[in-house]
């Protein structure tokens, strides 16, 4: 399962795998959220 999230013009993809489609979707969504959050932290390390 792959999901795409966008925030402030940035787009990230998240991937998740599981035999249950709901679990796979949740994993993919969390993966994408983590990518958005971690890139924001690295972009502004002084904050």
N, C-alpha and C. Protein backbone atom coordinates (compact mmCIF):
# COMPACT_ATOMS: atom_id res chain seq x y z
N UNK A 1 0.86 -1.17 0.00
CA UNK A 1 0.00 0.00 0.00
C UNK A 1 0.90 1.22 0.00
N UNK A 2 0.56 2.19 -0.80
CA UNK A 2 1.28 3.46 -0.85
C UNK A 2 0.30 4.60 -0.69
N UNK A 3 0.67 5.59 0.12
CA UNK A 3 -0.12 6.80 0.26
C UNK A 3 0.76 8.00 -0.02
N UNK A 4 0.15 9.09 -0.43
CA UNK A 4 0.88 10.33 -0.71
C UNK A 4 0.25 11.44 0.11
N UNK A 5 1.11 12.17 0.83
CA UNK A 5 0.66 13.30 1.63
C UNK A 5 1.36 14.57 1.15
N UNK A 6 0.67 15.69 1.27
CA UNK A 6 1.25 16.97 0.89
C UNK A 6 1.04 17.97 2.01
N UNK A 7 2.07 18.80 2.25
CA UNK A 7 1.97 19.86 3.25
C UNK A 7 2.89 21.00 2.82
N UNK A 8 2.33 22.17 2.73
CA UNK A 8 3.09 23.36 2.35
C UNK A 8 3.85 23.17 1.04
N UNK A 9 3.23 22.51 0.09
CA UNK A 9 3.86 22.31 -1.21
C UNK A 9 4.81 21.13 -1.29
N UNK A 10 5.08 20.47 -0.17
CA UNK A 10 5.95 19.29 -0.16
C UNK A 10 5.10 18.05 -0.26
N UNK A 11 5.55 17.09 -1.01
CA UNK A 11 4.82 15.83 -1.19
C UNK A 11 5.74 14.69 -0.78
N UNK A 12 5.21 13.79 0.05
CA UNK A 12 5.96 12.59 0.45
C UNK A 12 5.09 11.36 0.23
N UNK A 13 5.73 10.25 0.00
CA UNK A 13 5.05 8.96 -0.14
C UNK A 13 5.35 8.12 1.08
N UNK A 14 4.36 7.36 1.51
CA UNK A 14 4.54 6.41 2.60
C UNK A 14 4.14 5.03 2.12
N UNK A 15 4.87 4.02 2.57
CA UNK A 15 4.58 2.66 2.16
C UNK A 15 4.36 1.78 3.38
N UNK A 16 3.40 0.88 3.27
CA UNK A 16 3.11 -0.05 4.34
C UNK A 16 2.66 -1.37 3.75
N UNK A 17 3.03 -2.45 4.41
CA UNK A 17 2.67 -3.78 3.92
C UNK A 17 2.10 -4.62 5.05
N UNK A 18 1.01 -5.31 4.76
CA UNK A 18 0.40 -6.23 5.71
C UNK A 18 -0.66 -7.01 4.95
N UNK A 19 -1.04 -8.15 5.46
CA UNK A 19 -2.09 -8.93 4.81
C UNK A 19 -3.46 -8.29 4.99
N UNK A 20 -3.61 -7.45 6.01
CA UNK A 20 -4.85 -6.72 6.26
C UNK A 20 -4.73 -5.33 5.62
N UNK A 21 -5.61 -4.99 4.71
CA UNK A 21 -5.53 -3.73 3.97
C UNK A 21 -5.64 -2.52 4.89
N UNK A 22 -6.42 -2.62 5.97
CA UNK A 22 -6.56 -1.51 6.90
C UNK A 22 -5.25 -1.28 7.64
N UNK A 23 -4.60 -2.34 8.06
CA UNK A 23 -3.32 -2.23 8.75
C UNK A 23 -2.25 -1.69 7.79
N UNK A 24 -2.24 -2.19 6.57
CA UNK A 24 -1.27 -1.71 5.57
C UNK A 24 -1.47 -0.22 5.31
N UNK A 25 -2.72 0.21 5.23
CA UNK A 25 -3.00 1.63 5.01
C UNK A 25 -2.52 2.48 6.18
N UNK A 26 -2.77 2.02 7.39
CA UNK A 26 -2.34 2.76 8.58
C UNK A 26 -0.82 2.85 8.63
N UNK A 27 -0.13 1.76 8.32
CA UNK A 27 1.34 1.77 8.32
C UNK A 27 1.87 2.75 7.27
N UNK A 28 1.27 2.77 6.11
CA UNK A 28 1.70 3.67 5.04
C UNK A 28 1.47 5.12 5.45
N UNK A 29 0.33 5.41 6.05
CA UNK A 29 0.02 6.77 6.49
C UNK A 29 1.00 7.23 7.56
N UNK A 30 1.28 6.37 8.53
CA UNK A 30 2.25 6.73 9.58
C UNK A 30 3.65 6.93 9.00
N UNK A 31 4.03 6.11 8.05
CA UNK A 31 5.33 6.25 7.40
C UNK A 31 5.44 7.62 6.73
N UNK A 32 4.40 8.03 6.01
CA UNK A 32 4.40 9.33 5.34
C UNK A 32 4.43 10.47 6.36
N UNK A 33 3.66 10.35 7.45
CA UNK A 33 3.68 11.39 8.48
C UNK A 33 5.06 11.52 9.11
N UNK A 34 5.70 10.40 9.37
CA UNK A 34 7.05 10.43 9.94
C UNK A 34 8.03 11.09 8.99
N UNK A 35 7.89 10.83 7.70
CA UNK A 35 8.77 11.48 6.72
C UNK A 35 8.57 13.00 6.73
N UNK A 36 7.32 13.44 6.75
CA UNK A 36 7.06 14.88 6.80
C UNK A 36 7.66 15.50 8.05
N UNK A 37 7.47 14.87 9.17
CA UNK A 37 7.94 15.41 10.45
C UNK A 37 9.46 15.43 10.52
N UNK A 38 10.11 14.35 10.11
CA UNK A 38 11.57 14.28 10.23
C UNK A 38 12.25 15.26 9.29
N UNK A 39 11.71 15.48 8.10
CA UNK A 39 12.31 16.44 7.17
C UNK A 39 12.14 17.86 7.68
N UNK A 40 11.04 18.15 8.37
CA UNK A 40 10.85 19.47 8.94
C UNK A 40 11.87 19.72 10.04
N UNK A 41 12.14 18.72 10.86
CA UNK A 41 13.11 18.88 11.93
C UNK A 41 14.51 19.13 11.38
N UNK A 42 14.90 18.41 10.34
CA UNK A 42 16.22 18.58 9.75
C UNK A 42 16.35 19.92 9.02
N UNK A 43 15.25 20.42 8.50
CA UNK A 43 15.30 21.69 7.79
C UNK A 43 15.53 22.86 8.75
N UNK A 44 15.12 22.71 10.02
CA UNK A 44 15.25 23.78 10.99
C UNK A 44 15.86 23.22 12.30
N UNK A 45 17.13 22.80 12.28
CA UNK A 45 17.70 22.16 13.48
C UNK A 45 17.84 23.11 14.67
N UNK A 46 17.89 24.43 14.43
CA UNK A 46 18.06 25.37 15.52
C UNK A 46 16.79 25.62 16.32
N UNK A 47 15.64 25.19 15.80
CA UNK A 47 14.37 25.42 16.49
C UNK A 47 14.17 24.38 17.55
